[in-house]
Amino acid sequence: TQYLDRGIDQTNNNIGLSNSYKIGPKTIFNLSLNYLISDTKLEETKDKTKSATLSATRQIGEELSTSASFRYLDRQSAVSIRDITDRRLTLSLRYTF
């Protein structure tokens, strides 16, 4: 990626794996794993980001479903202020009409 307005040249290398498993007619489990290396030439920085998401969706009725998701993210950078570790739990109820 080139940011012409700022003169920054950035290279991203990403690998990911995603899997979905259906348990019965109403329940689905999903797993997603990602690894990203981002290298910025101008700033001489390299960020390494790992993330994993595990989720489950359950169909309650014809128009109603519920889901739960857990996401883990860990970014390590040459610039310590950009380091982050995040754990997030999301619950949702979806009605389609």
Protein backbone atom coordinates (compact mmCIF):
# COMPACT_ATOMS: atom_id res chain seq x y z
CA THR A 1 0.00 0.00 0.00
CA GLN A 2 1.34 3.45 -0.88
CA TYR A 3 0.12 6.57 0.87
CA LEU A 4 1.13 9.14 -1.73
CA ASP A 5 0.01 12.16 0.28
CA ARG A 6 2.35 11.23 3.17
CA GLY A 7 5.09 9.37 1.27
CA ILE A 8 4.58 6.16 3.23
CA ASP A 9 5.15 2.74 1.68
CA GLN A 10 3.57 -0.14 3.63
CA THR A 11 3.68 -3.89 2.98
CA ASN A 12 1.09 -6.21 4.52
CA ASN A 13 1.39 -10.00 4.69
CA ASN A 14 -1.69 -11.80 5.98
CA ILE A 15 -2.63 -15.42 6.47
CA GLY A 16 -5.99 -16.58 7.71
CA LEU A 17 -7.98 -19.71 8.40
CA SER A 18 -11.73 -19.87 8.78
CA ASN A 19 -13.96 -22.83 9.53
CA SER A 20 -17.68 -23.27 10.04
CA TYR A 21 -19.35 -26.32 11.53
CA LYS A 22 -23.10 -26.92 11.51
CA ILE A 23 -24.45 -28.89 14.47
CA GLY A 24 -27.99 -29.84 13.64
CA PRO A 25 -30.38 -27.71 11.62
CA LYS A 26 -30.30 -24.68 13.97
CA THR A 27 -26.78 -24.30 15.41
CA ILE A 28 -23.55 -23.17 13.71
CA PHE A 29 -20.07 -22.77 15.20
CA ASN A 30 -17.45 -20.56 13.51
CA LEU A 31 -13.71 -20.25 14.08
CA SER A 32 -11.45 -17.67 12.47
CA LEU A 33 -7.68 -17.28 12.93
CA ASN A 34 -5.57 -14.50 11.37
CA TYR A 35 -1.93 -13.44 11.45
CA LEU A 36 -0.80 -10.12 9.92
CA ILE A 37 2.65 -8.60 9.52
CA SER A 38 2.60 -4.94 8.54
CA ASP A 39 5.91 -3.32 7.56
CA THR A 40 6.11 0.47 7.09
CA LYS A 41 9.22 1.62 5.24
CA LEU A 42 9.27 5.33 6.14
CA GLU A 43 8.79 4.82 9.87
CA GLU A 44 10.92 1.64 9.95
CA THR A 45 8.25 -0.16 11.99
CA LYS A 46 6.92 -3.66 11.86
CA ASP A 47 3.63 -4.64 13.50
CA LYS A 48 2.60 -8.24 14.16
CA THR A 49 -1.10 -8.84 14.78
CA LYS A 50 -2.72 -12.11 15.84
CA SER A 51 -6.47 -12.51 16.15
CA ALA A 52 -8.88 -15.33 16.84
CA THR A 53 -12.67 -15.34 16.85
CA LEU A 54 -14.94 -18.12 18.07
CA SER A 55 -18.69 -17.74 17.62
CA ALA A 56 -21.91 -19.71 17.82
CA THR A 57 -25.26 -18.90 16.22
CA ARG A 58 -28.57 -20.50 17.14
CA GLN A 59 -31.78 -20.13 15.11
CA ILE A 60 -34.65 -19.71 17.58
CA GLY A 61 -37.50 -19.24 15.16
CA GLU A 62 -38.04 -18.49 11.49
CA GLU A 63 -37.15 -14.80 11.95
CA LEU A 64 -35.24 -14.87 15.25
CA SER A 65 -31.67 -15.95 15.99
CA THR A 66 -29.12 -15.39 18.73
CA SER A 67 -25.35 -15.46 18.67
CA ALA A 68 -22.36 -15.26 20.98
CA SER A 69 -18.86 -14.37 19.89
CA PHE A 70 -15.48 -14.13 21.61
CA ARG A 71 -12.62 -12.26 19.92
CA TYR A 72 -8.98 -12.11 20.98
CA LEU A 73 -6.57 -9.62 19.38
CA ASP A 74 -2.88 -9.11 20.14
CA ARG A 75 -0.72 -6.55 18.31
CA GLN A 76 2.98 -6.11 18.99
CA SER A 77 4.76 -3.20 17.41
CA ALA A 78 8.21 -1.65 17.26
CA VAL A 79 6.41 1.47 18.61
CA SER A 80 5.20 0.51 22.09
CA ILE A 81 2.27 2.95 22.09
CA ARG A 82 0.66 0.84 19.30
CA ASP A 83 0.83 -2.41 21.30
CA ILE A 84 -2.63 -3.69 22.19
CA THR A 85 -4.29 -6.77 23.64
CA ASP A 86 -8.08 -6.94 23.41
CA ARG A 87 -10.58 -9.56 24.54
CA ARG A 88 -14.16 -8.94 23.50
CA LEU A 89 -17.39 -10.85 24.12
CA THR A 90 -20.39 -10.00 21.95
CA LEU A 91 -23.95 -11.24 22.46
CA SER A 92 -26.64 -10.47 19.92
CA LEU A 93 -30.27 -11.11 19.19
CA ARG A 94 -31.35 -10.74 15.56
CA TYR A 95 -34.85 -10.39 14.22
CA THR A 96 -35.35 -10.44 10.43
CA PHE A 97 -38.58 -9.02 9.04
